Amino acid sequence: MAVFEPTWLVTNIFSLTPASLKQQGIKAVLTDLDNTLMAWDHPEGTETLTRWLTDLRNSGIKVVVVSNNNANRIHKAMAKLGVAYVARAL
């Protein structure tokens, strides 16, 4: 089984700006959901998340959530934000 390994580990994902990602030639961000984009008990997300996703989209950078969580949980969290996802990734 092929395994993805992170390119970067950051303390706060929202510190990744479209400009810094584009400067590195990055066209897509694969990220976890729970306790990365949003708290596991806060499925509607935050204004910071919405703004970050909008900024990335407007810059042509795609975001995909890759999570071990179930599809129902991820769909509820990502549907209104329009983010693609992969559930039960492992």
PDB file of N, CA and C in Angstrom:
ATOM      1  N   MET A   1       0.839  -1.174   0.000  1.00  0.00           N
ATOM      2  CA  MET A   1       0.000   0.000   0.000  1.00  0.00           C
ATOM      3  C   MET A   1       0.888   1.242   0.000  1.00  0.00           C
ATOM      4  N   ALA A   2       0.661   2.141  -0.942  1.00  0.00           N
ATOM      5  CA  ALA A   2       1.390   3.406  -0.982  1.00  0.00           C
ATOM      6  C   ALA A   2       0.867   4.315   0.123  1.00  0.00           C
ATOM      7  N   VAL A   3       1.765   5.042   0.731  1.00  0.00           N
ATOM      8  CA  VAL A   3       1.389   5.931   1.828  1.00  0.00           C
ATOM      9  C   VAL A   3       1.854   7.339   1.490  1.00  0.00           C
ATOM     10  N   PHE A   4       0.965   8.286   1.693  1.00  0.00           N
ATOM     11  CA  PHE A   4       1.349   9.682   1.538  1.00  0.00           C
ATOM     12  C   PHE A   4       2.122  10.113   2.773  1.00  0.00           C
ATOM     13  N   GLU A   5       3.136  10.891   2.564  1.00  0.00           N
ATOM     14  CA  GLU A   5       3.868  11.486   3.672  1.00  0.00           C
ATOM     15  C   GLU A   5       3.779  12.993   3.516  1.00  0.00           C
ATOM     16  N   PRO A   6       3.623  13.706   4.632  1.00  0.00           N
ATOM     17  CA  PRO A   6       3.485  15.161   4.531  1.00  0.00           C
ATOM     18  C   PRO A   6       4.763  15.822   4.030  1.00  0.00           C
ATOM     19  N   THR A   7       4.564  16.863   3.251  1.00  0.00           N
ATOM     20  CA  THR A   7       5.680  17.683   2.811  1.00  0.00           C
ATOM     21  C   THR A   7       6.082  18.628   3.931  1.00  0.00           C
ATOM     22  N   TRP A   8       5.077  19.191   4.575  1.00  0.00           N
ATOM     23  CA  TRP A   8       5.307  20.134   5.665  1.00  0.00           C
ATOM     24  C   TRP A   8       4.455  19.747   6.852  1.00  0.00           C
ATOM     25  N   LEU A   9       4.942  20.049   8.031  1.00  0.00           N
ATOM     26  CA  LEU A   9       4.153  19.969   9.257  1.00  0.00           C
ATOM     27  C   LEU A   9       4.088  21.387   9.793  1.00  0.00           C
ATOM     28  N   VAL A  10       2.888  21.886  10.008  1.00  0.00           N
ATOM     29  CA  VAL A  10       2.721  23.255  10.498  1.00  0.00           C
ATOM     30  C   VAL A  10       1.896  23.246  11.773  1.00  0.00           C
ATOM     31  N   THR A  11       2.126  24.230  12.608  1.00  0.00           N
ATOM     32  CA  THR A  11       1.371  24.357  13.851  1.00  0.00           C
ATOM     33  C   THR A  11      -0.052  24.812  13.574  1.00  0.00           C
ATOM     34  N   ASN A  12      -0.210  25.674  12.575  1.00  0.00           N
ATOM     35  CA  ASN A  12      -1.520  26.229  12.242  1.00  0.00           C
ATOM     36  C   ASN A  12      -1.679  26.216  10.726  1.00  0.00           C
ATOM     37  N   ILE A  13      -2.597  25.410  10.232  1.00  0.00           N
ATOM     38  CA  ILE A  13      -2.771  25.277   8.778  1.00  0.00           C
ATOM     39  C   ILE A  13      -3.133  26.599   8.125  1.00  0.00           C
ATOM     40  N   PHE A  14      -3.789  27.476   8.885  1.00  0.00           N
ATOM     41  CA  PHE A  14      -4.210  28.754   8.321  1.00  0.00           C
ATOM     42  C   PHE A  14      -3.041  29.703   8.085  1.00  0.00           C
ATOM     43  N   SER A  15      -1.858  29.324   8.547  1.00  0.00           N
ATOM     44  CA  SER A  15      -0.664  30.126   8.263  1.00  0.00           C
ATOM     45  C   SER A  15      -0.150  29.868   6.845  1.00  0.00           C
ATOM     46  N   LEU A  16      -0.670  28.839   6.189  1.00  0.00           N
ATOM     47  CA  LEU A  16      -0.301  28.556   4.796  1.00  0.00           C
ATOM     48  C   LEU A  16      -1.100  29.487   3.893  1.00  0.00           C
ATOM     49  N   THR A  17      -0.441  30.458   3.330  1.00  0.00           N
ATOM     50  CA  THR A  17      -1.125  31.425   2.477  1.00  0.00           C
ATOM     51  C   THR A  17      -1.064  30.979   1.018  1.00  0.00           C
ATOM     52  N   PRO A  18      -2.020  31.441   0.219  1.00  0.00           N
ATOM     53  CA  PRO A  18      -1.952  31.119  -1.204  1.00  0.00           C
ATOM     54  C   PRO A  18      -0.619  31.548  -1.826  1.00  0.00           C
ATOM     55  N   ALA A  19      -0.124  32.706  -1.431  1.00  0.00           N
ATOM     56  CA  ALA A  19       1.143  33.190  -2.000  1.00  0.00           C
ATOM     57  C   ALA A  19       2.298  32.255  -1.658  1.00  0.00           C
ATOM     58  N   SER A  20       2.374  31.813  -0.399  1.00  0.00           N
ATOM     59  CA  SER A  20       3.481  30.926  -0.012  1.00  0.00           C
ATOM     60  C   SER A  20       3.369  29.569  -0.695  1.00  0.00           C
ATOM     61  N   LEU A  21       2.151  29.082  -0.861  1.00  0.00           N
ATOM     62  CA  LEU A  21       1.955  27.799  -1.539  1.00  0.00           C
ATOM     63  C   LEU A  21       2.316  27.907  -3.016  1.00  0.00           C
ATOM     64  N   LYS A  22       1.853  28.962  -3.678  1.00  0.00           N
ATOM     65  CA  LYS A  22       2.157  29.147  -5.096  1.00  0.00           C
ATOM     66  C   LYS A  22       3.655  29.335  -5.327  1.00  0.00           C
ATOM     67  N   GLN A  23       4.308  30.015  -4.397  1.00  0.00           N
ATOM     68  CA  GLN A  23       5.755  30.220  -4.509  1.00  0.00           C
ATOM     69  C   GLN A  23       6.493  28.882  -4.512  1.00  0.00           C
ATOM     70  N   GLN A  24       5.938  27.891  -3.827  1.00  0.00           N
ATOM     71  CA  GLN A  24       6.530  26.552  -3.774  1.00  0.00           C
ATOM     72  C   GLN A  24       6.034  25.657  -4.918  1.00  0.00           C
ATOM     73  N   GLY A  25       5.173  26.197  -5.783  1.00  0.00           N
ATOM     74  CA  GLY A  25       4.645  25.423  -6.901  1.00  0.00           C
ATOM     75  C   GLY A  25       3.527  24.471  -6.510  1.00  0.00           C
ATOM     76  N   ILE A  26       2.906  24.702  -5.361  1.00  0.00           N
ATOM     77  CA  ILE A  26       1.856  23.809  -4.865  1.00  0.00           C
ATOM     78  C   ILE A  26       0.515  24.199  -5.475  1.00  0.00           C
ATOM     79  N   LYS A  27      -0.180  23.199  -6.022  1.00  0.00           N
ATOM     80  CA  LYS A  27      -1.464  23.422  -6.674  1.00  0.00           C
ATOM     81  C   LYS A  27      -2.626  22.817  -5.911  1.00  0.00           C
ATOM     82  N   ALA A  28      -2.326  22.000  -4.889  1.00  0.00           N
ATOM     83  CA  ALA A  28      -3.383  21.353  -4.107  1.00  0.00           C
ATOM     84  C   ALA A  28      -2.886  21.092  -2.691  1.00  0.00           C
ATOM     85  N   VAL A  29      -3.829  21.129  -1.758  1.00  0.00           N
ATOM     86  CA  VAL A  29      -3.541  20.833  -0.355  1.00  0.00           C
ATOM     87  C   VAL A  29      -4.399  19.647   0.053  1.00  0.00           C
ATOM     88  N   LEU A  30      -3.764  18.594   0.543  1.00  0.00           N
ATOM     89  CA  LEU A  30      -4.469  17.456   1.131  1.00  0.00           C
ATOM     90  C   LEU A  30      -4.354  17.622   2.637  1.00  0.00           C
ATOM     91  N   THR A  31      -5.480  17.609   3.326  1.00  0.00           N
ATOM     92  CA  THR A  31      -5.461  17.879   4.755  1.00  0.00           C
ATOM     93  C   THR A  31      -6.441  16.995   5.507  1.00  0.00           C
ATOM     94  N   ASP A  32      -6.170  16.794   6.765  1.00  0.00           N
ATOM     95  CA  ASP A  32      -7.092  16.101   7.657  1.00  0.00           C
ATOM     96  C   ASP A  32      -8.210  17.072   8.027  1.00  0.00           C
ATOM     97  N   LEU A  33      -9.270  16.547   8.604  1.00  0.00           N
ATOM     98  CA  LEU A  33     -10.402  17.378   9.011  1.00  0.00           C
ATOM     99  C   LEU A  33     -10.357  17.685  10.501  1.00  0.00           C
ATOM    100  N   ASP A  34     -10.579  16.659  11.308  1.00  0.00           N
ATOM    101  CA  ASP A  34     -10.747  16.851  12.748  1.00  0.00           C
ATOM    102  C   ASP A  34      -9.472  17.337  13.419  1.00  0.00           C
ATOM    103  N   ASN A  35      -9.617  18.433  14.124  1.00  0.00           N
ATOM    104  CA  ASN A  35      -8.529  19.083  14.861  1.00  0.00           C
ATOM    105  C   ASN A  35      -7.413  19.597  13.956  1.00  0.00           C
ATOM    106  N   THR A  36      -7.722  19.719  12.670  1.00  0.00           N
ATOM    107  CA  THR A  36      -6.822  20.375  11.726  1.00  0.00           C
ATOM    108  C   THR A  36      -7.561  21.545  11.088  1.00  0.00           C
ATOM    109  N   LEU A  37      -8.639  21.243  10.357  1.00  0.00           N
ATOM    110  CA  LEU A  37      -9.461  22.315   9.796  1.00  0.00           C
ATOM    111  C   LEU A  37     -10.511  22.809  10.782  1.00  0.00           C
ATOM    112  N   MET A  38     -10.999  21.890  11.596  1.00  0.00           N
ATOM    113  CA  MET A  38     -12.018  22.271  12.580  1.00  0.00           C
ATOM    114  C   MET A  38     -11.990  21.315  13.757  1.00  0.00           C
ATOM    115  N   ALA A  39     -12.465  21.796  14.882  1.00  0.00           N
ATOM    116  CA  ALA A  39     -12.572  20.939  16.061  1.00  0.00           C
ATOM    117  C   ALA A  39     -13.581  19.837  15.772  1.00  0.00           C
ATOM    118  N   TRP A  40     -13.341  18.650  16.287  1.00  0.00           N
ATOM    119  CA  TRP A  40     -14.216  17.507  15.986  1.00  0.00           C
ATOM    120  C   TRP A  40     -15.652  17.764  16.424  1.00  0.00           C
ATOM    121  N   ASP A  41     -15.855  18.613  17.421  1.00  0.00           N
ATOM    122  CA  ASP A  41     -17.205  18.880  17.917  1.00  0.00           C
ATOM    123  C   ASP A  41     -17.762  20.206  17.404  1.00  0.00           C
ATOM    124  N   HIS A  42     -17.183  20.737  16.332  1.00  0.00           N
ATOM    125  CA  HIS A  42     -17.599  22.025  15.763  1.00  0.00           C
ATOM    126  C   HIS A  42     -17.755  21.865  14.245  1.00  0.00           C
ATOM    127  N   PRO A  43     -18.742  21.067  13.794  1.00  0.00           N
ATOM    128  CA  PRO A  43     -18.824  20.687  12.381  1.00  0.00           C
ATOM    129  C   PRO A  43     -19.144  21.818  11.409  1.00  0.00           C
ATOM    130  N   GLU A  44     -19.533  22.973  11.902  1.00  0.00           N
ATOM    131  CA  GLU A  44     -19.815  24.064  10.974  1.00  0.00           C
ATOM    132  C   GLU A  44     -18.577  24.888  10.635  1.00  0.00           C
ATOM    133  N   GLY A  45     -17.477  24.637  11.309  1.00  0.00           N
ATOM    134  CA  GLY A  45     -16.248  25.358  11.007  1.00  0.00           C
ATOM    135  C   GLY A  45     -16.274  26.777  11.555  1.00  0.00           C
ATOM    136  N   THR A  46     -15.302  27.558  11.132  1.00  0.00           N
ATOM    137  CA  THR A  46     -15.168  28.929  11.613  1.00  0.00           C
ATOM    138  C   THR A  46     -15.072  29.883  10.432  1.00  0.00           C
ATOM    139  N   GLU A  47     -15.191  31.154  10.727  1.00  0.00           N
ATOM    140  CA  GLU A  47     -15.016  32.174   9.699  1.00  0.00           C
ATOM    141  C   GLU A  47     -13.592  32.132   9.143  1.00  0.00           C
ATOM    142  N   THR A  48     -12.633  31.823   9.994  1.00  0.00           N
ATOM    143  CA  THR A  48     -11.237  31.712   9.546  1.00  0.00           C
ATOM    144  C   THR A  48     -11.096  30.610   8.502  1.00  0.00           C
ATOM    145  N   LEU A  49     -11.740  29.474   8.743  1.00  0.00           N
ATOM    146  CA  LEU A  49     -11.710  28.365   7.786  1.00  0.00           C
ATOM    147  C   LEU A  49     -12.344  28.778   6.465  1.00  0.00           C
ATOM    148  N   THR A  50     -13.513  29.379   6.532  1.00  0.00           N
ATOM    149  CA  THR A  50     -14.218  29.801   5.318  1.00  0.00           C
ATOM    150  C   THR A  50     -13.373  30.780   4.510  1.00  0.00           C
ATOM    151  N   ARG A  51     -12.785  31.736   5.173  1.00  0.00           N
ATOM    152  CA  ARG A  51     -11.944  32.738   4.496  1.00  0.00           C
ATOM    153  C   ARG A  51     -10.716  32.081   3.869  1.00  0.00           C
ATOM    154  N   TRP A  52     -10.069  31.159   4.602  1.00  0.00           N
ATOM    155  CA  TRP A  52      -8.875  30.473   4.101  1.00  0.00           C
ATOM    156  C   TRP A  52      -9.208  29.669   2.848  1.00  0.00           C
ATOM    157  N   LEU A  53     -10.316  28.910   2.904  1.00  0.00           N
ATOM    158  CA  LEU A  53     -10.726  28.116   1.744  1.00  0.00           C
ATOM    159  C   LEU A  53     -11.034  29.009   0.546  1.00  0.00           C
ATOM    160  N   THR A  54     -11.713  30.115   0.785  1.00  0.00           N
ATOM    161  CA  THR A  54     -12.040  31.058  -0.287  1.00  0.00           C
ATOM    162  C   THR A  54     -10.771  31.634  -0.906  1.00  0.00           C
ATOM    163  N   ASP A  55      -9.826  32.021  -0.066  1.00  0.00           N
ATOM    164  CA  ASP A  55      -8.559  32.570  -0.573  1.00  0.00           C
ATOM    165  C   ASP A  55      -7.814  31.546  -1.429  1.00  0.00           C
ATOM    166  N   LEU A  56      -7.780  30.288  -0.973  1.00  0.00           N
ATOM    167  CA  LEU A  56      -7.105  29.249  -1.756  1.00  0.00           C
ATOM    168  C   LEU A  56      -7.812  29.028  -3.092  1.00  0.00           C
ATOM    169  N   ARG A  57      -9.135  28.906  -3.049  1.00  0.00           N
ATOM    170  CA  ARG A  57      -9.908  28.714  -4.291  1.00  0.00           C
ATOM    171  C   ARG A  57      -9.667  29.852  -5.272  1.00  0.00           C
ATOM    172  N   ASN A  58      -9.744  31.081  -4.767  1.00  0.00           N
ATOM    173  CA  ASN A  58      -9.555  32.250  -5.630  1.00  0.00           C
ATOM    174  C   ASN A  58      -8.159  32.298  -6.237  1.00  0.00           C
ATOM    175  N   SER A  59      -7.228  31.612  -5.619  1.00  0.00           N
ATOM    176  CA  SER A  59      -5.853  31.549  -6.127  1.00  0.00           C
ATOM    177  C   SER A  59      -5.603  30.316  -6.989  1.00  0.00           C
ATOM    178  N   GLY A  60      -6.648  29.507  -7.184  1.00  0.00           N
ATOM    179  CA  GLY A  60      -6.513  28.321  -8.024  1.00  0.00           C
ATOM    180  C   GLY A  60      -5.913  27.118  -7.322  1.00  0.00           C
ATOM    181  N   ILE A  61      -5.876  27.141  -5.990  1.00  0.00           N
ATOM    182  CA  ILE A  61      -5.336  26.018  -5.226  1.00  0.00           C
ATOM    183  C   ILE A  61      -6.488  25.164  -4.726  1.00  0.00           C
ATOM    184  N   LYS A  62      -6.441  23.880  -5.036  1.00  0.00           N
ATOM    185  CA  LYS A  62      -7.494  22.956  -4.630  1.00  0.00           C
ATOM    186  C   LYS A  62      -7.228  22.448  -3.216  1.00  0.00           C
ATOM    187  N   VAL A  63      -8.312  22.148  -2.492  1.00  0.00           N
ATOM    188  CA  VAL A  63      -8.207  21.563  -1.156  1.00  0.00           C
ATOM    189  C   VAL A  63      -9.019  20.279  -1.146  1.00  0.00           C
ATOM    190  N   VAL A  64      -8.427  19.207  -0.645  1.00  0.00           N
ATOM    191  CA  VAL A  64      -9.116  17.928  -0.488  1.00  0.00           C
ATOM    192  C   VAL A  64      -8.882  17.454   0.939  1.00  0.00           C
ATOM    193  N   VAL A  65      -9.973  17.111   1.622  1.00  0.00           N
ATOM    194  CA  VAL A  65      -9.874  16.550   2.967  1.00  0.00           C
ATOM    195  C   VAL A  65      -9.696  15.045   2.835  1.00  0.00           C
ATOM    196  N   VAL A  66      -8.688  14.515   3.487  1.00  0.00           N
ATOM    197  CA  VAL A  66      -8.425  13.079   3.516  1.00  0.00           C
ATOM    198  C   VAL A  66      -8.493  12.675   4.985  1.00  0.00           C
ATOM    199  N   SER A  67      -9.500  11.857   5.324  1.00  0.00           N
ATOM    200  CA  SER A  67      -9.762  11.575   6.736  1.00  0.00           C
ATOM    201  C   SER A  67     -10.052  10.102   6.970  1.00  0.00           C
ATOM    202  N   ASN A  68      -9.767   9.655   8.172  1.00  0.00           N
ATOM    203  CA  ASN A  68     -10.148   8.304   8.583  1.00  0.00           C
ATOM    204  C   ASN A  68     -11.587   8.258   9.072  1.00  0.00           C
ATOM    205  N   ASN A  69     -12.207   9.412   9.198  1.00  0.00           N
ATOM    206  CA  ASN A  69     -13.571   9.473   9.701  1.00  0.00           C
ATOM    207  C   ASN A  69     -14.552   8.941   8.657  1.00  0.00           C
ATOM    208  N   ASN A  70     -15.801   8.740   9.078  1.00  0.00           N
ATOM    209  CA  ASN A  70     -16.810   8.194   8.167  1.00  0.00           C
ATOM    210  C   ASN A  70     -17.346   9.269   7.224  1.00  0.00           C
ATOM    211  N   ALA A  71     -17.889   8.830   6.107  1.00  0.00           N
ATOM    212  CA  ALA A  71     -18.354   9.741   5.065  1.00  0.00           C
ATOM    213  C   ALA A  71     -19.454  10.668   5.554  1.00  0.00           C
ATOM    214  N   ASN A  72     -20.347  10.191   6.406  1.00  0.00           N
ATOM    215  CA  ASN A  72     -21.433  11.026   6.904  1.00  0.00           C
ATOM    216  C   ASN A  72     -20.884  12.225   7.669  1.00  0.00           C
ATOM    217  N   ARG A  73     -19.940  11.983   8.549  1.00  0.00           N
ATOM    218  CA  ARG A  73     -19.336  13.064   9.345  1.00  0.00           C
ATOM    219  C   ARG A  73     -18.656  14.084   8.435  1.00  0.00           C
ATOM    220  N   ILE A  74     -17.876  13.601   7.497  1.00  0.00           N
ATOM    221  CA  ILE A  74     -17.127  14.508   6.635  1.00  0.00           C
ATOM    222  C   ILE A  74     -18.062  15.256   5.693  1.00  0.00           C
ATOM    223  N   HIS A  75     -19.061  14.573   5.163  1.00  0.00           N
ATOM    224  CA  HIS A  75     -20.011  15.233   4.268  1.00  0.00           C
ATOM    225  C   HIS A  75     -20.724  16.374   4.982  1.00  0.00           C
ATOM    226  N   LYS A  76     -21.180  16.129   6.204  1.00  0.00           N
ATOM    227  CA  LYS A  76     -21.857  17.180   6.977  1.00  0.00           C
ATOM    228  C   LYS A  76     -20.958  18.396   7.152  1.00  0.00           C
ATOM    229  N   ALA A  77     -19.696  18.153   7.387  1.00  0.00           N
ATOM    230  CA  ALA A  77     -18.760  19.247   7.633  1.00  0.00           C
ATOM    231  C   ALA A  77     -18.347  19.967   6.349  1.00  0.00           C
ATOM    232  N   MET A  78     -18.206  19.258   5.245  1.00  0.00           N
ATOM    233  CA  MET A  78     -17.626  19.834   4.038  1.00  0.00           C
ATOM    234  C   MET A  78     -18.635  20.252   2.971  1.00  0.00           C
ATOM    235  N   ALA A  79     -19.846  19.719   3.011  1.00  0.00           N
ATOM    236  CA  ALA A  79     -20.815  19.985   1.945  1.00  0.00           C
ATOM    237  C   ALA A  79     -21.060  21.475   1.741  1.00  0.00           C
ATOM    238  N   LYS A  80     -21.334  22.193   2.811  1.00  0.00           N
ATOM    239  CA  LYS A  80     -21.641  23.617   2.649  1.00  0.00           C
ATOM    240  C   LYS A  80     -20.403  24.440   2.302  1.00  0.00           C
ATOM    241  N   LEU A  81     -19.232  23.881   2.551  1.00  0.00           N
ATOM    242  CA  LEU A  81     -17.993  24.582   2.214  1.00  0.00           C
ATOM    243  C   LEU A  81     -17.507  24.243   0.809  1.00  0.00           C
ATOM    244  N   GLY A  82     -18.122  23.234   0.187  1.00  0.00           N
ATOM    245  CA  GLY A  82     -17.760  22.863  -1.171  1.00  0.00           C
ATOM    246  C   GLY A  82     -16.374  22.256  -1.302  1.00  0.00           C
ATOM    247  N   VAL A  83     -15.973  21.494  -0.291  1.00  0.00           N
ATOM    248  CA  VAL A  83     -14.638  20.893  -0.296  1.00  0.00           C
ATOM    249  C   VAL A  83     -14.748  19.405  -0.614  1.00  0.00           C
ATOM    250  N   ALA A  84     -13.938  18.940  -1.549  1.00  0.00           N
ATOM    251  CA  ALA A  84     -13.897  17.515  -1.880  1.00  0.00           C
ATOM    252  C   ALA A  84     -13.272  16.758  -0.718  1.00  0.00           C
ATOM    253  N   TYR A  85     -13.631  15.479  -0.596  1.00  0.00           N
ATOM    254  CA  TYR A  85     -13.081  14.700   0.520  1.00  0.00           C
ATOM    255  C   TYR A  85     -12.971  13.228   0.178  1.00  0.00           C
ATOM    256  N   VAL A  86     -12.115  12.552   0.931  1.00  0.00           N
ATOM    257  CA  VAL A  86     -11.979  11.103   0.895  1.00  0.00           C
ATOM    258  C   VAL A  86     -12.192  10.636   2.325  1.00  0.00           C
ATOM    259  N   ALA A  87     -13.195   9.780   2.529  1.00  0.00           N
ATOM    260  CA  ALA A  87     -13.496   9.251   3.864  1.00  0.00           C
ATOM    261  C   ALA A  87     -12.866   7.873   4.030  1.00  0.00           C
ATOM    262  N   ARG A  88     -12.707   7.465   5.274  1.00  0.00           N
ATOM    263  CA  ARG A  88     -12.135   6.151   5.595  1.00  0.00           C
ATOM    264  C   ARG A  88     -10.872   5.907   4.783  1.00  0.00           C
ATOM    265  N   ALA A  89      -9.978   6.880   4.837  1.00  0.00           N
ATOM    266  CA  ALA A  89      -8.779   6.850   3.994  1.00  0.00           C
ATOM    267  C   ALA A  89      -7.834   5.701   4.315  1.00  0.00           C
ATOM    268  N   LEU A  90      -7.829   5.242   5.552  1.00  0.00           N
ATOM    269  CA  LEU A  90      -6.954   4.119   5.900  1.00  0.00           C
ATOM    270  C   LEU A  90      -7.765   2.948   6.377  1.00  0.00           C
TER     271      LEU A  90
END
